Amino acid sequence: MDDIRATPFSAGLRRLRAETLHDGEQVVWQGQPDGVARMFMWRFLWWIGFPWLLLTVIAISNDWIGRAAQPLLMLGVAMVAAPLVMLLQDLQTLYLITDRRTLILRTAWGRRTVSQTPFQAMDAVFEILDVGGGAGHLNFASGRSTRSPDTDHTGRYGFRCVRNAPRVRDILEAARAGKMRRSHT
């Protein structure tokens, strides 16, 4: 079973996991998103943000933009910071497969959230989308609200940027079939 990475957020994730599991429910697998893979998926913002900031600083120093400087500067900072903010959110996320359901737990930004999907609410076939760097999106439910950070633009829901997604899919399929009680990897 993959363990929770040691970060300042680990204790909160462990507490939330303990509070969320039902009596007798066994964790088959747990893991966290690959935050570095997600950060690099969004690195194009750095290709835009750093030149944007440079041009904004040049425009400010030459007094070309006057009152528009602050919003332009804030937009550049947001583009540069966005991938790092996503990394921080991933460090505050835990994926679980139990013998009954999947769980996505978050303690991000002081809000504790739990999203669960019972096996009977899952799609018949799971989908993996490779994102590079050994990570992928494991989609196991469809028709979800696109407002969730774990849902893509089409409503496919699942574990985002999970390492070794084919192995996790196999574990989930075995757990749903009742063939696996606890992972030993």
N, C-alpha and C. Protein backbone atom coordinates (compact mmCIF):
# COMPACT_ATOMS: atom_id res chain seq x y z
N MET A 1 0.85 -1.16 0.00
CA MET A 1 0.00 0.00 0.00
C MET A 1 0.90 1.23 0.00
N ASP A 2 0.61 2.18 -0.87
CA ASP A 2 1.36 3.42 -0.89
C ASP A 2 1.04 4.20 0.38
N ASP A 3 2.02 4.89 0.89
CA ASP A 3 1.80 5.64 2.12
C ASP A 3 1.62 7.11 1.78
N ILE A 4 1.15 7.87 2.75
CA ILE A 4 1.02 9.31 2.59
C ILE A 4 2.40 9.92 2.70
N ARG A 5 2.76 10.78 1.75
CA ARG A 5 4.06 11.45 1.81
C ARG A 5 4.12 12.33 3.05
N ALA A 6 5.28 12.37 3.66
CA ALA A 6 5.47 13.18 4.87
C ALA A 6 5.54 14.65 4.48
N THR A 7 4.49 15.37 4.78
CA THR A 7 4.41 16.81 4.53
C THR A 7 3.74 17.45 5.74
N PRO A 8 3.69 18.75 5.80
CA PRO A 8 2.96 19.39 6.91
C PRO A 8 1.46 19.05 6.91
N PHE A 9 0.95 18.47 5.81
CA PHE A 9 -0.47 18.17 5.69
C PHE A 9 -0.80 16.72 6.02
N SER A 10 0.20 15.89 6.27
CA SER A 10 0.01 14.45 6.47
C SER A 10 -0.91 14.13 7.65
N ALA A 11 -0.70 14.78 8.75
CA ALA A 11 -1.49 14.48 9.95
C ALA A 11 -2.97 14.75 9.71
N GLY A 12 -3.28 15.85 9.06
CA GLY A 12 -4.68 16.17 8.76
C GLY A 12 -5.32 15.15 7.84
N LEU A 13 -4.56 14.68 6.84
CA LEU A 13 -5.09 13.65 5.94
C LEU A 13 -5.32 12.34 6.68
N ARG A 14 -4.42 11.97 7.57
CA ARG A 14 -4.59 10.74 8.35
C ARG A 14 -5.83 10.82 9.26
N ARG A 15 -6.02 11.97 9.89
CA ARG A 15 -7.20 12.15 10.75
C ARG A 15 -8.49 12.05 9.93
N LEU A 16 -8.50 12.72 8.78
CA LEU A 16 -9.70 12.70 7.94
C LEU A 16 -9.97 11.28 7.45
N ARG A 17 -8.93 10.53 7.10
CA ARG A 17 -9.10 9.13 6.67
C ARG A 17 -9.72 8.32 7.80
N ALA A 18 -9.21 8.46 9.01
CA ALA A 18 -9.72 7.70 10.15
C ALA A 18 -11.19 8.04 10.43
N GLU A 19 -11.55 9.30 10.29
CA GLU A 19 -12.93 9.73 10.54
C GLU A 19 -13.89 9.26 9.44
N THR A 20 -13.38 9.09 8.23
CA THR A 20 -14.23 8.80 7.07
C THR A 20 -14.53 7.32 6.90
N LEU A 21 -13.60 6.46 7.26
CA LEU A 21 -13.80 5.02 7.07
C LEU A 21 -14.89 4.49 7.98
N HIS A 22 -15.75 3.63 7.43
CA HIS A 22 -16.80 3.00 8.22
C HIS A 22 -16.23 1.84 9.02
N ASP A 23 -16.96 1.40 10.04
CA ASP A 23 -16.53 0.25 10.84
C ASP A 23 -16.35 -0.97 9.95
N GLY A 24 -15.22 -1.62 10.07
CA GLY A 24 -14.94 -2.82 9.31
C GLY A 24 -14.48 -2.59 7.88
N GLU A 25 -14.48 -1.36 7.42
CA GLU A 25 -14.05 -1.06 6.04
C GLU A 25 -12.54 -1.17 5.94
N GLN A 26 -12.06 -1.91 4.96
CA GLN A 26 -10.63 -2.14 4.77
C GLN A 26 -10.09 -1.28 3.63
N VAL A 27 -8.97 -0.64 3.86
CA VAL A 27 -8.28 0.10 2.81
C VAL A 27 -7.47 -0.89 1.99
N VAL A 28 -7.74 -0.93 0.70
CA VAL A 28 -7.04 -1.82 -0.22
C VAL A 28 -5.82 -1.12 -0.80
N TRP A 29 -5.98 0.17 -1.10
CA TRP A 29 -4.89 0.96 -1.67
C TRP A 29 -5.11 2.42 -1.29
N GLN A 30 -4.02 3.13 -1.10
CA GLN A 30 -4.10 4.57 -0.92
C GLN A 30 -2.90 5.20 -1.59
N GLY A 31 -3.08 6.41 -2.07
CA GLY A 31 -2.00 7.13 -2.71
C GLY A 31 -2.37 8.59 -2.87
N GLN A 32 -1.42 9.36 -3.31
CA GLN A 32 -1.64 10.77 -3.53
C GLN A 32 -1.38 11.10 -4.99
N PRO A 33 -1.97 12.21 -5.47
CA PRO A 33 -1.68 12.61 -6.84
C PRO A 33 -0.20 12.92 -7.01
N ASP A 34 0.27 12.76 -8.21
CA ASP A 34 1.65 13.14 -8.54
C ASP A 34 1.62 14.63 -8.84
N GLY A 35 1.85 15.42 -7.81
CA GLY A 35 1.78 16.88 -7.94
C GLY A 35 2.77 17.45 -8.92
N VAL A 36 3.94 16.83 -9.02
CA VAL A 36 4.95 17.32 -9.96
C VAL A 36 4.47 17.10 -11.39
N ALA A 37 3.84 15.96 -11.66
CA ALA A 37 3.32 15.70 -13.01
C ALA A 37 2.24 16.72 -13.36
N ARG A 38 1.34 17.02 -12.40
CA ARG A 38 0.30 18.02 -12.68
C ARG A 38 0.92 19.39 -12.88
N MET A 39 1.90 19.72 -12.07
CA MET A 39 2.56 21.02 -12.20
C MET A 39 3.16 21.17 -13.60
N PHE A 40 3.80 20.09 -14.09
CA PHE A 40 4.40 20.17 -15.41
C PHE A 40 3.37 20.13 -16.53
N MET A 41 2.16 19.60 -16.25
CA MET A 41 1.09 19.69 -17.25
C MET A 41 0.72 21.15 -17.50
N TRP A 42 0.86 21.97 -16.49
CA TRP A 42 0.47 23.38 -16.57
C TRP A 42 1.67 24.32 -16.75
N ARG A 43 2.83 23.76 -17.09
CA ARG A 43 4.03 24.60 -17.21
C ARG A 43 3.93 25.63 -18.33
N PHE A 44 3.00 25.44 -19.26
CA PHE A 44 2.84 26.44 -20.31
C PHE A 44 2.50 27.81 -19.71
N LEU A 45 1.89 27.80 -18.51
CA LEU A 45 1.62 29.09 -17.86
C LEU A 45 2.91 29.82 -17.52
N TRP A 46 3.98 29.06 -17.24
CA TRP A 46 5.26 29.70 -16.98
C TRP A 46 5.81 30.31 -18.25
N TRP A 47 5.60 29.63 -19.39
CA TRP A 47 6.08 30.16 -20.67
C TRP A 47 5.38 31.46 -21.03
N ILE A 48 4.18 31.63 -20.53
CA ILE A 48 3.45 32.88 -20.76
C ILE A 48 3.71 33.86 -19.62
N GLY A 49 3.66 33.36 -18.39
CA GLY A 49 3.72 34.22 -17.21
C GLY A 49 5.03 34.95 -17.01
N PHE A 50 6.17 34.25 -17.17
CA PHE A 50 7.45 34.92 -16.95
C PHE A 50 7.70 36.03 -17.98
N PRO A 51 7.50 35.81 -19.29
CA PRO A 51 7.64 36.93 -20.23
C PRO A 51 6.63 38.05 -19.96
N TRP A 52 5.41 37.66 -19.55
CA TRP A 52 4.39 38.65 -19.22
C TRP A 52 4.90 39.55 -18.08
N LEU A 53 5.45 38.92 -17.02
CA LEU A 53 5.98 39.70 -15.90
C LEU A 53 7.14 40.59 -16.35
N LEU A 54 8.03 40.05 -17.16
CA LEU A 54 9.17 40.83 -17.65
C LEU A 54 8.70 42.05 -18.44
N LEU A 55 7.76 41.84 -19.35
CA LEU A 55 7.23 42.96 -20.14
C LEU A 55 6.50 43.96 -19.27
N THR A 56 5.79 43.47 -18.27
CA THR A 56 5.08 44.38 -17.35
C THR A 56 6.07 45.22 -16.56
N VAL A 57 7.14 44.60 -16.07
CA VAL A 57 8.16 45.35 -15.32
C VAL A 57 8.82 46.39 -16.23
N ILE A 58 9.11 46.02 -17.45
CA ILE A 58 9.70 46.98 -18.40
C ILE A 58 8.73 48.13 -18.66
N ALA A 59 7.45 47.80 -18.85
CA ALA A 59 6.45 48.84 -19.09
C ALA A 59 6.29 49.76 -17.88
N ILE A 60 6.36 49.20 -16.68
CA ILE A 60 6.25 50.01 -15.47
C ILE A 60 7.46 50.93 -15.34
N SER A 61 8.66 50.37 -15.57
CA SER A 61 9.87 51.17 -15.42
C SER A 61 9.95 52.29 -16.45
N ASN A 62 9.34 52.11 -17.60
CA ASN A 62 9.33 53.16 -18.63
C ASN A 62 8.08 54.02 -18.57
N ASP A 63 7.24 53.76 -17.57
CA ASP A 63 6.00 54.52 -17.35
C ASP A 63 5.08 54.50 -18.58
N TRP A 64 4.96 53.33 -19.20
CA TRP A 64 4.11 53.19 -20.38
C TRP A 64 2.66 52.87 -20.02
N ILE A 65 2.43 52.25 -18.90
CA ILE A 65 1.08 51.75 -18.64
C ILE A 65 0.38 52.40 -17.45
N GLY A 66 1.05 53.16 -16.67
CA GLY A 66 0.43 53.93 -15.59
C GLY A 66 -0.45 53.10 -14.66
N ARG A 67 -1.75 53.42 -14.67
CA ARG A 67 -2.69 52.82 -13.72
C ARG A 67 -2.99 51.35 -14.00
N ALA A 68 -2.68 50.87 -15.19
CA ALA A 68 -2.96 49.47 -15.53
C ALA A 68 -1.88 48.52 -15.01
N ALA A 69 -0.86 49.06 -14.38
CA ALA A 69 0.28 48.24 -13.95
C ALA A 69 -0.12 47.17 -12.94
N GLN A 70 -0.89 47.54 -11.95
CA GLN A 70 -1.20 46.58 -10.88
C GLN A 70 -1.98 45.37 -11.40
N PRO A 71 -3.07 45.54 -12.17
CA PRO A 71 -3.77 44.34 -12.65
C PRO A 71 -2.90 43.49 -13.59
N LEU A 72 -2.09 44.12 -14.41
CA LEU A 72 -1.23 43.37 -15.32
C LEU A 72 -0.17 42.59 -14.54
N LEU A 73 0.37 43.21 -13.50
CA LEU A 73 1.35 42.54 -12.66
C LEU A 73 0.71 41.36 -11.91
N MET A 74 -0.48 41.56 -11.39
CA MET A 74 -1.18 40.50 -10.66
C MET A 74 -1.51 39.32 -11.58
N LEU A 75 -1.87 39.60 -12.82
CA LEU A 75 -2.16 38.53 -13.77
C LEU A 75 -0.90 37.70 -14.05
N GLY A 76 0.24 38.36 -14.22
CA GLY A 76 1.49 37.65 -14.44
C GLY A 76 1.88 36.79 -13.25
N VAL A 77 1.73 37.32 -12.04
CA VAL A 77 2.04 36.56 -10.83
C VAL A 77 1.11 35.34 -10.73
N ALA A 78 -0.17 35.52 -11.06
CA ALA A 78 -1.12 34.40 -11.01
C ALA A 78 -0.72 33.30 -11.99
N MET A 79 -0.29 33.66 -13.18
CA MET A 79 0.12 32.65 -14.16
C MET A 79 1.35 31.87 -13.68
N VAL A 80 2.28 32.56 -13.06
CA VAL A 80 3.49 31.89 -12.57
C VAL A 80 3.17 31.03 -11.34
N ALA A 81 2.27 31.50 -10.49
CA ALA A 81 1.98 30.79 -9.24
C ALA A 81 1.01 29.61 -9.40
N ALA A 82 0.18 29.62 -10.43
CA ALA A 82 -0.87 28.60 -10.56
C ALA A 82 -0.35 27.16 -10.49
N PRO A 83 0.72 26.78 -11.23
CA PRO A 83 1.19 25.40 -11.10
C PRO A 83 1.68 25.05 -9.70
N LEU A 84 2.24 26.01 -8.99
CA LEU A 84 2.69 25.77 -7.62
C LEU A 84 1.51 25.61 -6.67
N VAL A 85 0.46 26.37 -6.90
CA VAL A 85 -0.76 26.24 -6.08
C VAL A 85 -1.37 24.85 -6.30
N MET A 86 -1.36 24.36 -7.54
CA MET A 86 -1.88 23.02 -7.83
C MET A 86 -1.05 21.96 -7.11
N LEU A 87 0.26 22.14 -7.07
CA LEU A 87 1.13 21.22 -6.33
C LEU A 87 0.75 21.20 -4.86
N LEU A 88 0.53 22.36 -4.27
CA LEU A 88 0.13 22.43 -2.86
C LEU A 88 -1.20 21.72 -2.62
N GLN A 89 -2.15 21.87 -3.55
CA GLN A 89 -3.43 21.19 -3.39
C GLN A 89 -3.24 19.68 -3.46
N ASP A 90 -2.39 19.22 -4.37
CA ASP A 90 -2.15 17.78 -4.49
C ASP A 90 -1.50 17.20 -3.23
N LEU A 91 -0.68 17.98 -2.56
CA LEU A 91 -0.07 17.51 -1.31
C LEU A 91 -1.10 17.38 -0.19
N GLN A 92 -2.27 18.00 -0.39
CA GLN A 92 -3.34 17.95 0.60
C GLN A 92 -4.49 17.05 0.15
N THR A 93 -4.18 16.11 -0.75
CA THR A 93 -5.19 15.20 -1.31
C THR A 93 -4.75 13.76 -1.09
N LEU A 94 -5.72 12.90 -0.79
CA LEU A 94 -5.45 11.47 -0.61
C LEU A 94 -6.52 10.68 -1.35
N TYR A 95 -6.06 9.71 -2.16
CA TYR A 95 -6.95 8.80 -2.86
C TYR A 95 -6.98 7.47 -2.11
N LEU A 96 -8.17 6.91 -1.97
CA LEU A 96 -8.32 5.62 -1.29
C LEU A 96 -9.21 4.69 -2.11
N ILE A 97 -8.82 3.43 -2.14
CA ILE A 97 -9.70 2.37 -2.62
C ILE A 97 -9.91 1.47 -1.41
N THR A 98 -11.17 1.27 -1.06
CA THR A 98 -11.48 0.37 0.06
C THR A 98 -12.18 -0.86 -0.52
N ASP A 99 -12.60 -1.74 0.35
CA ASP A 99 -13.32 -2.93 -0.10
C ASP A 99 -14.78 -2.62 -0.45
N ARG A 100 -15.18 -1.33 -0.36
CA ARG A 100 -16.56 -0.93 -0.64
C ARG A 100 -16.71 0.22 -1.64
N ARG A 101 -15.67 1.08 -1.73
CA ARG A 101 -15.82 2.33 -2.49
C ARG A 101 -14.47 2.97 -2.73
N THR A 102 -14.49 4.05 -3.51
CA THR A 102 -13.30 4.90 -3.63
C THR A 102 -13.59 6.19 -2.87
N LEU A 103 -12.53 6.78 -2.36
CA LEU A 103 -12.65 8.04 -1.63
C LEU A 103 -11.58 9.01 -2.12
N ILE A 104 -11.94 10.27 -2.21
CA ILE A 104 -10.97 11.33 -2.45
C ILE A 104 -11.11 12.29 -1.27
N LEU A 105 -10.05 12.36 -0.47
CA LEU A 105 -10.05 13.20 0.73
C LEU A 105 -9.17 14.41 0.49
N ARG A 106 -9.62 15.57 0.97
CA ARG A 106 -8.82 16.79 0.84
C ARG A 106 -8.89 17.59 2.13
N THR A 107 -7.76 18.18 2.45
CA THR A 107 -7.70 19.13 3.57
C THR A 107 -7.20 20.48 3.06
N ALA A 108 -7.39 20.72 1.78
CA ALA A 108 -6.81 21.90 1.13
C ALA A 108 -7.47 23.19 1.61
N TRP A 109 -6.60 24.14 1.89
CA TRP A 109 -6.98 25.50 2.23
C TRP A 109 -7.92 25.57 3.42
N GLY A 110 -7.74 24.65 4.36
CA GLY A 110 -8.52 24.66 5.58
C GLY A 110 -9.90 24.03 5.45
N ARG A 111 -10.27 23.58 4.26
CA ARG A 111 -11.56 22.92 4.04
C ARG A 111 -11.34 21.43 3.92
N ARG A 112 -12.02 20.69 4.75
CA ARG A 112 -11.93 19.23 4.69
C ARG A 112 -13.08 18.72 3.83
N THR A 113 -12.76 18.01 2.74
CA THR A 113 -13.81 17.48 1.87
C THR A 113 -13.59 15.99 1.64
N VAL A 114 -14.71 15.30 1.49
CA VAL A 114 -14.70 13.86 1.21
C VAL A 114 -15.62 13.63 0.03
N SER A 115 -15.09 12.96 -0.98
CA SER A 115 -15.89 12.58 -2.14
C SER A 115 -15.81 11.06 -2.27
N GLN A 116 -16.96 10.41 -2.31
CA GLN A 116 -16.96 8.95 -2.35
C GLN A 116 -17.73 8.46 -3.57
N THR A 117 -17.32 7.30 -4.06
CA THR A 117 -18.02 6.64 -5.16
C THR A 117 -18.14 5.16 -4.82
N PRO A 118 -19.35 4.70 -4.51
CA PRO A 118 -19.53 3.26 -4.25
C PRO A 118 -19.29 2.48 -5.55
N PHE A 119 -18.88 1.23 -5.42
CA PHE A 119 -18.58 0.41 -6.59
C PHE A 119 -19.75 0.34 -7.56
N GLN A 120 -20.98 0.24 -7.05
CA GLN A 120 -22.14 0.10 -7.93
C GLN A 120 -22.43 1.37 -8.74
N ALA A 121 -21.86 2.51 -8.35
CA ALA A 121 -22.06 3.76 -9.09
C ALA A 121 -20.97 4.00 -10.14
N MET A 122 -20.05 3.07 -10.28
CA MET A 122 -18.93 3.24 -11.22
C MET A 122 -19.29 2.74 -12.61
N ASP A 123 -18.55 3.24 -13.59
CA ASP A 123 -18.70 2.77 -14.97
C ASP A 123 -18.28 1.31 -15.06
N ALA A 124 -18.78 0.62 -16.08
CA ALA A 124 -18.42 -0.78 -16.27
C ALA A 124 -16.95 -0.92 -16.63
N VAL A 125 -16.44 0.02 -17.42
CA VAL A 125 -15.04 -0.02 -17.86
C VAL A 125 -14.35 1.26 -17.39
N PHE A 126 -13.18 1.11 -16.81
CA PHE A 126 -12.41 2.26 -16.35
C PHE A 126 -11.52 2.78 -17.47
N GLU A 127 -11.30 4.08 -17.48
CA GLU A 127 -10.51 4.71 -18.54
C GLU A 127 -9.26 5.34 -17.95
N ILE A 128 -8.14 5.18 -18.65
CA ILE A 128 -6.89 5.80 -18.24
C ILE A 128 -6.45 6.77 -19.32
N LEU A 129 -6.13 7.98 -18.92
CA LEU A 129 -5.55 8.97 -19.82
C LEU A 129 -4.14 9.27 -19.35
N ASP A 130 -3.16 8.97 -20.17
CA ASP A 130 -1.76 9.18 -19.82
C ASP A 130 -1.45 10.68 -19.86
N VAL A 131 -0.81 11.19 -18.80
CA VAL A 131 -0.43 12.59 -18.77
C VAL A 131 1.09 12.76 -18.82
N GLY A 132 1.81 11.66 -18.92
CA GLY A 132 3.27 11.72 -19.00
C GLY A 132 3.92 11.62 -17.64
N GLY A 133 5.20 11.32 -17.66
CA GLY A 133 5.95 11.23 -16.42
C GLY A 133 5.53 10.07 -15.54
N GLY A 134 4.91 9.03 -16.11
CA GLY A 134 4.48 7.89 -15.32
C GLY A 134 3.17 8.10 -14.60
N ALA A 135 2.47 9.18 -14.89
CA ALA A 135 1.20 9.48 -14.23
C ALA A 135 0.07 9.46 -15.25
N GLY A 136 -1.14 9.31 -14.74
CA GLY A 136 -2.31 9.32 -15.60
C GLY A 136 -3.57 9.61 -14.81
N HIS A 137 -4.62 9.91 -15.54
CA HIS A 137 -5.93 10.09 -14.92
C HIS A 137 -6.67 8.76 -15.00
N LEU A 138 -7.14 8.26 -13.89
CA LEU A 138 -7.94 7.05 -13.84
C LEU A 138 -9.39 7.46 -13.64
N ASN A 139 -10.19 7.38 -14.71
CA ASN A 139 -11.61 7.74 -14.65
C ASN A 139 -12.43 6.49 -14.39
N PHE A 140 -13.28 6.56 -13.37
CA PHE A 140 -14.10 5.39 -13.04
C PHE A 140 -15.58 5.70 -12.92
N ALA A 141 -15.98 6.94 -13.15
CA ALA A 141 -17.41 7.30 -13.12
C ALA A 141 -17.64 8.41 -14.14
N SER A 142 -18.84 8.43 -14.70
CA SER A 142 -19.19 9.44 -15.71
C SER A 142 -20.42 10.22 -15.27
N GLY A 143 -20.65 11.31 -15.95
CA GLY A 143 -21.85 12.10 -15.69
C GLY A 143 -21.80 12.93 -14.43
N ARG A 144 -20.62 13.22 -13.96
CA ARG A 144 -20.47 14.03 -12.74
C ARG A 144 -20.41 15.51 -13.10
N SER A 145 -20.64 16.34 -12.12
CA SER A 145 -20.55 17.78 -12.31
C SER A 145 -19.12 18.17 -12.65
N THR A 146 -18.97 19.03 -13.62
CA THR A 146 -17.64 19.47 -14.04
C THR A 146 -17.05 20.49 -13.07
N ARG A 147 -17.76 20.83 -12.03
CA ARG A 147 -17.24 21.77 -11.04
C ARG A 147 -16.24 21.13 -10.09
N SER A 148 -16.25 19.81 -10.01
CA SER A 148 -15.34 19.10 -9.12
C SER A 148 -13.92 19.15 -9.68
N PRO A 149 -12.92 19.30 -8.82
CA PRO A 149 -11.53 19.27 -9.31
C PRO A 149 -11.11 17.88 -9.79
N ASP A 150 -11.94 16.88 -9.54
CA ASP A 150 -11.62 15.51 -9.93
C ASP A 150 -12.42 15.07 -11.16
N THR A 151 -13.05 16.00 -11.83
CA THR A 151 -13.86 15.73 -13.01
C THR A 151 -13.30 16.52 -14.18
N ASP A 152 -13.23 15.87 -15.34
CA ASP A 152 -12.77 16.62 -16.52
C ASP A 152 -13.95 17.37 -17.15
N HIS A 153 -13.70 18.02 -18.27
CA HIS A 153 -14.71 18.86 -18.91
C HIS A 153 -15.89 18.07 -19.48
N THR A 154 -15.78 16.75 -19.58
CA THR A 154 -16.87 15.92 -20.09
C THR A 154 -17.67 15.24 -18.99
N GLY A 155 -17.28 15.42 -17.75
CA GLY A 155 -17.98 14.78 -16.63
C GLY A 155 -17.39 13.45 -16.19
N ARG A 156 -16.23 13.08 -16.75
CA ARG A 156 -15.57 11.85 -16.31
C ARG A 156 -14.84 12.14 -15.00
N TYR A 157 -15.07 11.29 -14.03
CA TYR A 157 -14.60 11.51 -12.66
C TYR A 157 -13.65 10.41 -12.24
N GLY A 158 -12.63 10.78 -11.46
CA GLY A 158 -11.72 9.77 -10.95
C GLY A 158 -10.49 10.38 -10.32
N PHE A 159 -9.47 9.55 -10.20
CA PHE A 159 -8.21 9.97 -9.61
C PHE A 159 -7.40 10.72 -10.67
N ARG A 160 -7.01 11.93 -10.38
CA ARG A 160 -6.25 12.78 -11.31
C ARG A 160 -4.76 12.65 -11.02
N CYS A 161 -3.98 12.54 -12.06
CA CYS A 161 -2.50 12.50 -11.98
C CYS A 161 -2.01 11.46 -10.97
N VAL A 162 -2.57 10.29 -11.03
CA VAL A 162 -2.15 9.22 -10.13
C VAL A 162 -0.96 8.49 -10.76
N ARG A 163 0.02 8.16 -9.94
CA ARG A 163 1.18 7.40 -10.43
C ARG A 163 0.78 5.98 -10.75
N ASN A 164 1.34 5.44 -11.82
CA ASN A 164 1.11 4.06 -12.24
C ASN A 164 -0.38 3.74 -12.31
N ALA A 165 -1.10 4.51 -13.11
CA ALA A 165 -2.55 4.38 -13.24
C ALA A 165 -3.01 2.98 -13.66
N PRO A 166 -2.29 2.25 -14.55
CA PRO A 166 -2.75 0.90 -14.88
C PRO A 166 -2.76 -0.05 -13.67
N ARG A 167 -1.77 0.07 -12.81
CA ARG A 167 -1.73 -0.76 -11.60
C ARG A 167 -2.88 -0.41 -10.67
N VAL A 168 -3.15 0.89 -10.51
CA VAL A 168 -4.25 1.32 -9.64
C VAL A 168 -5.59 0.86 -10.22
N ARG A 169 -5.73 0.91 -11.55
CA ARG A 169 -6.95 0.40 -12.19
C ARG A 169 -7.14 -1.09 -11.88
N ASP A 170 -6.06 -1.86 -11.97
CA ASP A 170 -6.15 -3.29 -11.68
C ASP A 170 -6.56 -3.54 -10.23
N ILE A 171 -6.02 -2.75 -9.33
CA ILE A 171 -6.39 -2.88 -7.91
C ILE A 171 -7.86 -2.55 -7.71
N LEU A 172 -8.33 -1.48 -8.36
CA LEU A 172 -9.73 -1.08 -8.24
C LEU A 172 -10.66 -2.15 -8.84
N GLU A 173 -10.29 -2.69 -9.99
CA GLU A 173 -11.11 -3.74 -10.59
C GLU A 173 -11.18 -4.97 -9.68
N ALA A 174 -10.06 -5.36 -9.09
CA ALA A 174 -10.03 -6.51 -8.19
C ALA A 174 -10.86 -6.24 -6.93
N ALA A 175 -10.76 -5.04 -6.39
CA ALA A 175 -11.53 -4.69 -5.19
C ALA A 175 -13.03 -4.70 -5.50
N ARG A 176 -13.40 -4.16 -6.66
CA ARG A 176 -14.81 -4.14 -7.04
C ARG A 176 -15.35 -5.56 -7.24
N ALA A 177 -14.50 -6.44 -7.75
CA ALA A 177 -14.91 -7.83 -7.96
C ALA A 177 -14.86 -8.64 -6.67
N GLY A 178 -14.35 -8.03 -5.58
CA GLY A 178 -14.28 -8.73 -4.30
C GLY A 178 -13.11 -9.69 -4.20
N LYS A 179 -12.12 -9.53 -5.07
CA LYS A 179 -10.98 -10.43 -5.10
C LYS A 179 -9.80 -9.95 -4.30
N MET A 180 -9.88 -8.75 -3.75
CA MET A 180 -8.71 -8.19 -3.05
C MET A 180 -9.18 -7.54 -1.77
N ARG A 181 -8.51 -7.84 -0.71
CA ARG A 181 -8.85 -7.24 0.58
C ARG A 181 -7.84 -6.20 1.03
N ARG A 182 -6.59 -6.39 0.72
CA ARG A 182 -5.57 -5.44 1.16
C ARG A 182 -4.38 -5.56 0.23
N SER A 183 -3.87 -4.40 -0.19
CA SER A 183 -2.72 -4.40 -1.10
C SER A 183 -1.45 -4.65 -0.32
N HIS A 184 -0.53 -5.43 -0.89
CA HIS A 184 0.75 -5.69 -0.24
C HIS A 184 1.89 -5.06 -1.00
N THR A 185 1.61 -4.08 -1.88
CA THR A 185 2.68 -3.43 -2.65
C THR A 185 3.04 -2.11 -2.07
